[in-house]
């Protein structure tokens, strides 16, 4: 689905709190019974993590697709600086901060629920980052993998941020793998292991 203000959805982006409530209401209105394997791309990765934080019994697995990290820095054009989103006095900053604090309190919030982090590593030629920001960005996918003890990281050098468009089969395979692991209660096979 598209969050409010994006894609085919009406309304405007409000806050991560509102997005979480909207997702819960959507699933209820569509009569989609849980538990769920949630998939989130970009900012949607934080949204599905927030959903799992507030409704842990409703989530049995997760796929994060080039997902935003709670500690990420973005470029703010208002003052031409790279800043941590969670430190900004904007509605979205509060959502980043909430997940940052939750992660400090519980570094492995998914426990043994299956998680696959899919990340496109092809650089975007239109984005130039300082070296320190680039190092942080490169480390974020592996850090996200650590939110579950039953997880793996899949890197795709042929895709960038829009990996779900550029390599949809890879994303679909990750979803199928998490669903199977969640349904059978098995460990995900790590790359290079059988």
C-alpha atoms as a PDB file:
ATOM      1  CA  UNK A   1       0.000   0.000   0.000  1.00  0.00           C
ATOM      2  CA  UNK A   2       1.070   3.619  -0.338  1.00  0.00           C
ATOM      3  CA  UNK A   3       1.290   5.699   2.825  1.00  0.00           C
ATOM      4  CA  UNK A   4      -0.856   8.849   3.008  1.00  0.00           C
ATOM      5  CA  UNK A   5       0.399  11.447   0.569  1.00  0.00           C
ATOM      6  CA  UNK A   6       2.386   8.967  -1.534  1.00  0.00           C
ATOM      7  CA  UNK A   7       1.572   7.014  -4.689  1.00  0.00           C
ATOM      8  CA  UNK A   8      -2.144   6.533  -5.070  1.00  0.00           C
ATOM      9  CA  UNK A   9      -3.019   7.428  -1.477  1.00  0.00           C
ATOM     10  CA  UNK A  10      -4.740  10.682  -0.658  1.00  0.00           C
ATOM     11  CA  UNK A  11      -4.021  12.899   2.293  1.00  0.00           C
ATOM     12  CA  UNK A  12      -0.683  14.149   3.413  1.00  0.00           C
ATOM     13  CA  UNK A  13       2.171  12.593   5.297  1.00  0.00           C
ATOM     14  CA  UNK A  14       1.560  13.290   8.951  1.00  0.00           C
ATOM     15  CA  UNK A  15       3.715  11.347  11.387  1.00  0.00           C
ATOM     16  CA  UNK A  16       4.997   7.832  11.926  1.00  0.00           C
ATOM     17  CA  UNK A  17       2.445   7.492  14.701  1.00  0.00           C
ATOM     18  CA  UNK A  18      -0.353   8.298  12.255  1.00  0.00           C
ATOM     19  CA  UNK A  19       1.179   6.010   9.606  1.00  0.00           C
ATOM     20  CA  UNK A  20       1.205   3.127  12.122  1.00  0.00           C
ATOM     21  CA  UNK A  21      -2.429   3.780  13.025  1.00  0.00           C
ATOM     22  CA  UNK A  22      -3.328   3.979   9.331  1.00  0.00           C
ATOM     23  CA  UNK A  23      -1.654   0.626   8.638  1.00  0.00           C
ATOM     24  CA  UNK A  24      -3.483  -1.038  11.528  1.00  0.00           C
ATOM     25  CA  UNK A  25      -6.806   0.447  10.371  1.00  0.00           C
ATOM     26  CA  UNK A  26      -6.142  -0.602   6.766  1.00  0.00           C
ATOM     27  CA  UNK A  27      -5.442  -4.210   7.735  1.00  0.00           C
ATOM     28  CA  UNK A  28      -8.583  -4.277   9.879  1.00  0.00           C
ATOM     29  CA  UNK A  29     -10.784  -2.637   7.214  1.00  0.00           C
ATOM     30  CA  UNK A  30      -9.472  -5.041   4.566  1.00  0.00           C
ATOM     31  CA  UNK A  31     -10.211  -7.925   6.945  1.00  0.00           C
ATOM     32  CA  UNK A  32      -6.639  -9.206   6.674  1.00  0.00           C
ATOM     33  CA  UNK A  33      -6.151 -11.390   9.715  1.00  0.00           C
ATOM     34  CA  UNK A  34      -2.715 -11.598  11.268  1.00  0.00           C
ATOM     35  CA  UNK A  35      -0.164 -12.462  12.206  1.00  0.00           C
ATOM     36  CA  UNK A  36       1.785 -10.696   9.464  1.00  0.00           C
ATOM     37  CA  UNK A  37       5.072 -10.764   7.639  1.00  0.00           C
ATOM     38  CA  UNK A  38       5.643  -7.061   7.075  1.00  0.00           C
ATOM     39  CA  UNK A  39       7.722  -5.634   4.233  1.00  0.00           C
ATOM     40  CA  UNK A  40       8.975  -2.065   4.297  1.00  0.00           C
ATOM     41  CA  UNK A  41      10.972  -0.088   1.756  1.00  0.00           C
ATOM     42  CA  UNK A  42      12.920   3.048   2.641  1.00  0.00           C
ATOM     43  CA  UNK A  43      10.965   4.984   5.303  1.00  0.00           C
ATOM     44  CA  UNK A  44       8.474   2.116   5.223  1.00  0.00           C
ATOM     45  CA  UNK A  45      11.167   0.013   6.889  1.00  0.00           C
ATOM     46  CA  UNK A  46      10.927   2.219   9.969  1.00  0.00           C
ATOM     47  CA  UNK A  47       7.144   2.075   9.780  1.00  0.00           C
ATOM     48  CA  UNK A  48       6.995  -1.739   9.845  1.00  0.00           C
ATOM     49  CA  UNK A  49       9.550  -1.807  12.661  1.00  0.00           C
ATOM     50  CA  UNK A  50       7.408   0.676  14.594  1.00  0.00           C
ATOM     51  CA  UNK A  51       4.340  -1.485  13.925  1.00  0.00           C
ATOM     52  CA  UNK A  52       6.185  -4.531  15.312  1.00  0.00           C
ATOM     53  CA  UNK A  53       7.268  -2.473  18.334  1.00  0.00           C
ATOM     54  CA  UNK A  54       3.692  -1.477  19.174  1.00  0.00           C
ATOM     55  CA  UNK A  55       1.985  -4.741  18.122  1.00  0.00           C
ATOM     56  CA  UNK A  56       4.624  -7.461  18.595  1.00  0.00           C
ATOM     57  CA  UNK A  57       2.069 -10.268  18.711  1.00  0.00           C
ATOM     58  CA  UNK A  58       0.845  -9.288  15.241  1.00  0.00           C
ATOM     59  CA  UNK A  59       4.207  -9.648  13.458  1.00  0.00           C
ATOM     60  CA  UNK A  60       5.826 -13.031  12.752  1.00  0.00           C
ATOM     61  CA  UNK A  61       8.499 -11.898  10.303  1.00  0.00           C
ATOM     62  CA  UNK A  62       9.864  -8.966   8.370  1.00  0.00           C
ATOM     63  CA  UNK A  63      11.655  -7.967   5.171  1.00  0.00           C
ATOM     64  CA  UNK A  64      13.445  -4.619   5.103  1.00  0.00           C
ATOM     65  CA  UNK A  65      14.117  -3.359   1.579  1.00  0.00           C
ATOM     66  CA  UNK A  66      16.786  -0.651   1.387  1.00  0.00           C
ATOM     67  CA  UNK A  67      15.264   0.514   4.644  1.00  0.00           C
ATOM     68  CA  UNK A  68      15.934   3.706   6.529  1.00  0.00           C
ATOM     69  CA  UNK A  69      17.900   3.326   9.760  1.00  0.00           C
ATOM     70  CA  UNK A  70      16.826   5.050  12.962  1.00  0.00           C
ATOM     71  CA  UNK A  71      20.204   6.752  13.267  1.00  0.00           C
ATOM     72  CA  UNK A  72      20.544   7.876   9.654  1.00  0.00           C
ATOM     73  CA  UNK A  73      21.672  11.280   8.514  1.00  0.00           C
ATOM     74  CA  UNK A  74      20.014  13.057   5.602  1.00  0.00           C
ATOM     75  CA  UNK A  75      20.854  16.249   3.770  1.00  0.00           C
ATOM     76  CA  UNK A  76      18.654  19.161   4.821  1.00  0.00           C
ATOM     77  CA  UNK A  77      18.498  21.788   2.085  1.00  0.00           C
ATOM     78  CA  UNK A  78      17.194  24.446   4.491  1.00  0.00           C
ATOM     79  CA  UNK A  79      20.700  24.903   5.892  1.00  0.00           C
ATOM     80  CA  UNK A  80      22.826  22.731   3.564  1.00  0.00           C
ATOM     81  CA  UNK A  81      23.860  20.245   6.247  1.00  0.00           C
ATOM     82  CA  UNK A  82      23.813  16.498   6.849  1.00  0.00           C
ATOM     83  CA  UNK A  83      21.833  15.916  10.058  1.00  0.00           C
ATOM     84  CA  UNK A  84      20.485  12.996  12.063  1.00  0.00           C
ATOM     85  CA  UNK A  85      16.786  12.880  11.355  1.00  0.00           C
ATOM     86  CA  UNK A  86      16.022  11.767  14.919  1.00  0.00           C
ATOM     87  CA  UNK A  87      17.522  15.000  16.266  1.00  0.00           C
ATOM     88  CA  UNK A  88      15.331  17.284  14.139  1.00  0.00           C
ATOM     89  CA  UNK A  89      12.274  19.064  15.593  1.00  0.00           C
ATOM     90  CA  UNK A  90       9.995  17.770  12.834  1.00  0.00           C
ATOM     91  CA  UNK A  91       7.214  15.159  13.055  1.00  0.00           C
ATOM     92  CA  UNK A  92       9.236  12.487  11.260  1.00  0.00           C
ATOM     93  CA  UNK A  93      12.179  13.157  13.582  1.00  0.00           C
ATOM     94  CA  UNK A  94      10.052  12.045  16.527  1.00  0.00           C
ATOM     95  CA  UNK A  95       9.431   8.685  14.853  1.00  0.00           C
ATOM     96  CA  UNK A  96      13.143   8.148  14.206  1.00  0.00           C
ATOM     97  CA  UNK A  97      13.892   9.118  17.820  1.00  0.00           C
ATOM     98  CA  UNK A  98      11.248   6.738  19.179  1.00  0.00           C
ATOM     99  CA  UNK A  99      12.798   3.799  17.326  1.00  0.00           C
ATOM    100  CA  UNK A 100      16.300   4.874  18.344  1.00  0.00           C
ATOM    101  CA  UNK A 101      15.302   4.851  22.016  1.00  0.00           C
ATOM    102  CA  UNK A 102      13.436   1.559  21.655  1.00  0.00           C
ATOM    103  CA  UNK A 103      16.501  -0.008  20.055  1.00  0.00           C
ATOM    104  CA  UNK A 104      18.709   1.244  22.895  1.00  0.00           C
ATOM    105  CA  UNK A 105      16.346  -0.424  25.379  1.00  0.00           C
ATOM    106  CA  UNK A 106      16.013  -3.636  23.325  1.00  0.00           C
ATOM    107  CA  UNK A 107      18.773  -4.163  20.716  1.00  0.00           C
ATOM    108  CA  UNK A 108      17.100  -7.330  19.323  1.00  0.00           C
ATOM    109  CA  UNK A 109      13.409  -6.367  19.202  1.00  0.00           C
ATOM    110  CA  UNK A 110      12.407  -9.123  16.749  1.00  0.00           C
ATOM    111  CA  UNK A 111      13.977 -11.836  18.889  1.00  0.00           C
ATOM    112  CA  UNK A 112      13.950 -15.049  16.832  1.00  0.00           C
ATOM    113  CA  UNK A 113      11.376 -13.906  14.272  1.00  0.00           C
ATOM    114  CA  UNK A 114      12.799 -14.178  10.746  1.00  0.00           C
ATOM    115  CA  UNK A 115      14.172 -11.054   9.108  1.00  0.00           C
ATOM    116  CA  UNK A 116      15.824 -10.501   5.745  1.00  0.00           C
ATOM    117  CA  UNK A 117      17.442  -7.155   5.013  1.00  0.00           C
ATOM    118  CA  UNK A 118      17.734  -6.559   1.254  1.00  0.00           C
ATOM    119  CA  UNK A 119      19.959  -3.692   0.227  1.00  0.00           C
ATOM    120  CA  UNK A 120      20.868  -2.281  -3.178  1.00  0.00           C
ATOM    121  CA  UNK A 121      24.511  -1.237  -3.113  1.00  0.00           C
ATOM    122  CA  UNK A 122      24.829   0.430  -6.529  1.00  0.00           C
ATOM    123  CA  UNK A 123      25.746   4.072  -5.836  1.00  0.00           C
ATOM    124  CA  UNK A 124      23.442   6.847  -6.980  1.00  0.00           C
ATOM    125  CA  UNK A 125      25.548   9.139  -9.196  1.00  0.00           C
ATOM    126  CA  UNK A 126      23.323  12.095  -8.248  1.00  0.00           C
ATOM    127  CA  UNK A 127      24.112  11.836  -4.524  1.00  0.00           C
ATOM    128  CA  UNK A 128      27.468  12.812  -3.079  1.00  0.00           C
ATOM    129  CA  UNK A 129      27.984  12.128   0.608  1.00  0.00           C
ATOM    130  CA  UNK A 130      30.843  13.066   2.916  1.00  0.00           C
ATOM    131  CA  UNK A 131      33.065  10.092   3.824  1.00  0.00           C
ATOM    132  CA  UNK A 132      31.741   9.822   7.388  1.00  0.00           C
ATOM    133  CA  UNK A 133      28.125   9.743   6.166  1.00  0.00           C
ATOM    134  CA  UNK A 134      29.048   7.185   3.479  1.00  0.00           C
ATOM    135  CA  UNK A 135      30.654   4.910   6.108  1.00  0.00           C
ATOM    136  CA  UNK A 136      27.553   5.138   8.301  1.00  0.00           C
ATOM    137  CA  UNK A 137      25.246   4.381   5.370  1.00  0.00           C
ATOM    138  CA  UNK A 138      27.367   1.364   4.386  1.00  0.00           C
ATOM    139  CA  UNK A 139      27.161  -0.049   7.937  1.00  0.00           C
ATOM    140  CA  UNK A 140      23.400   0.441   8.378  1.00  0.00           C
ATOM    141  CA  UNK A 141      22.151  -2.720   6.583  1.00  0.00           C
ATOM    142  CA  UNK A 142      24.337  -5.011   8.723  1.00  0.00           C
ATOM    143  CA  UNK A 143      23.197  -3.172  11.842  1.00  0.00           C
ATOM    144  CA  UNK A 144      19.547  -3.608  10.829  1.00  0.00           C
ATOM    145  CA  UNK A 145      20.167  -7.341  10.392  1.00  0.00           C
ATOM    146  CA  UNK A 146      20.996  -7.473  14.100  1.00  0.00           C
ATOM    147  CA  UNK A 147      17.442  -6.613  15.197  1.00  0.00           C
ATOM    148  CA  UNK A 148      16.717 -10.353  14.923  1.00  0.00           C
ATOM    149  CA  UNK A 149      18.712 -13.416  15.923  1.00  0.00           C
ATOM    150  CA  UNK A 150      17.175 -15.190  12.904  1.00  0.00           C
ATOM    151  CA  UNK A 151      18.255 -12.927  10.085  1.00  0.00           C
ATOM    152  CA  UNK A 152      20.351 -12.486   7.010  1.00  0.00           C
ATOM    153  CA  UNK A 153      21.561  -9.669   4.824  1.00  0.00           C
ATOM    154  CA  UNK A 154      21.239  -9.813   1.034  1.00  0.00           C
ATOM    155  CA  UNK A 155      23.250  -7.238  -0.919  1.00  0.00           C
ATOM    156  CA  UNK A 156      22.522  -6.542  -4.585  1.00  0.00           C
ATOM    157  CA  UNK A 157      25.237  -4.591  -6.420  1.00  0.00           C
ATOM    158  CA  UNK A 158      23.058  -4.320  -9.543  1.00  0.00           C
ATOM    159  CA  UNK A 159      20.357  -2.301  -7.756  1.00  0.00           C
ATOM    160  CA  UNK A 160      20.132   1.034  -6.029  1.00  0.00           C
ATOM    161  CA  UNK A 161      17.523   2.422  -3.656  1.00  0.00           C
ATOM    162  CA  UNK A 162      14.628   1.275  -5.863  1.00  0.00           C
ATOM    163  CA  UNK A 163      15.611  -2.373  -5.560  1.00  0.00           C
ATOM    164  CA  UNK A 164      11.942  -3.452  -5.484  1.00  0.00           C
ATOM    165  CA  UNK A 165      11.614  -2.037  -9.026  1.00  0.00           C
ATOM    166  CA  UNK A 166      15.082  -2.902 -10.331  1.00  0.00           C
ATOM    167  CA  UNK A 167      15.195  -6.471  -8.972  1.00  0.00           C
ATOM    168  CA  UNK A 168      11.659  -7.429  -7.872  1.00  0.00           C
ATOM    169  CA  UNK A 169      12.442 -11.162  -8.035  1.00  0.00           C
ATOM    170  CA  UNK A 170      15.082 -10.777  -5.325  1.00  0.00           C
ATOM    171  CA  UNK A 171      12.602  -8.983  -3.069  1.00  0.00           C
ATOM    172  CA  UNK A 172       9.873 -11.557  -3.794  1.00  0.00           C
ATOM    173  CA  UNK A 173      12.285 -14.391  -2.983  1.00  0.00           C
ATOM    174  CA  UNK A 174      13.167 -12.740   0.341  1.00  0.00           C
ATOM    175  CA  UNK A 175       9.470 -12.411   1.200  1.00  0.00           C
ATOM    176  CA  UNK A 176       8.810 -16.057   0.333  1.00  0.00           C
ATOM    177  CA  UNK A 177      11.778 -17.153   2.437  1.00  0.00           C
ATOM    178  CA  UNK A 178      10.654 -15.166   5.484  1.00  0.00           C
ATOM    179  CA  UNK A 179       7.070 -16.440   5.158  1.00  0.00           C
ATOM    180  CA  UNK A 180       8.309 -20.046   4.961  1.00  0.00           C
ATOM    181  CA  UNK A 181      10.607 -19.611   7.973  1.00  0.00           C
ATOM    182  CA  UNK A 182       7.852 -17.906   9.975  1.00  0.00           C
ATOM    183  CA  UNK A 183       5.305 -20.608   9.133  1.00  0.00           C
ATOM    184  CA  UNK A 184       7.647 -23.495   9.971  1.00  0.00           C
ATOM    185  CA  UNK A 185       9.541 -21.882  12.837  1.00  0.00           C
ATOM    186  CA  UNK A 186      12.886 -22.561  11.159  1.00  0.00           C
ATOM    187  CA  UNK A 187      16.124 -20.611  10.960  1.00  0.00           C
ATOM    188  CA  UNK A 188      16.923 -18.683   7.804  1.00  0.00           C
ATOM    189  CA  UNK A 189      19.819 -20.128   5.827  1.00  0.00           C
ATOM    190  CA  UNK A 190      22.684 -17.660   5.905  1.00  0.00           C
ATOM    191  CA  UNK A 191      24.542 -17.085   2.622  1.00  0.00           C
ATOM    192  CA  UNK A 192      27.327 -19.630   2.244  1.00  0.00           C
ATOM    193  CA  UNK A 193      25.678 -22.067   4.697  1.00  0.00           C
ATOM    194  CA  UNK A 194      23.252 -24.867   4.015  1.00  0.00           C
END
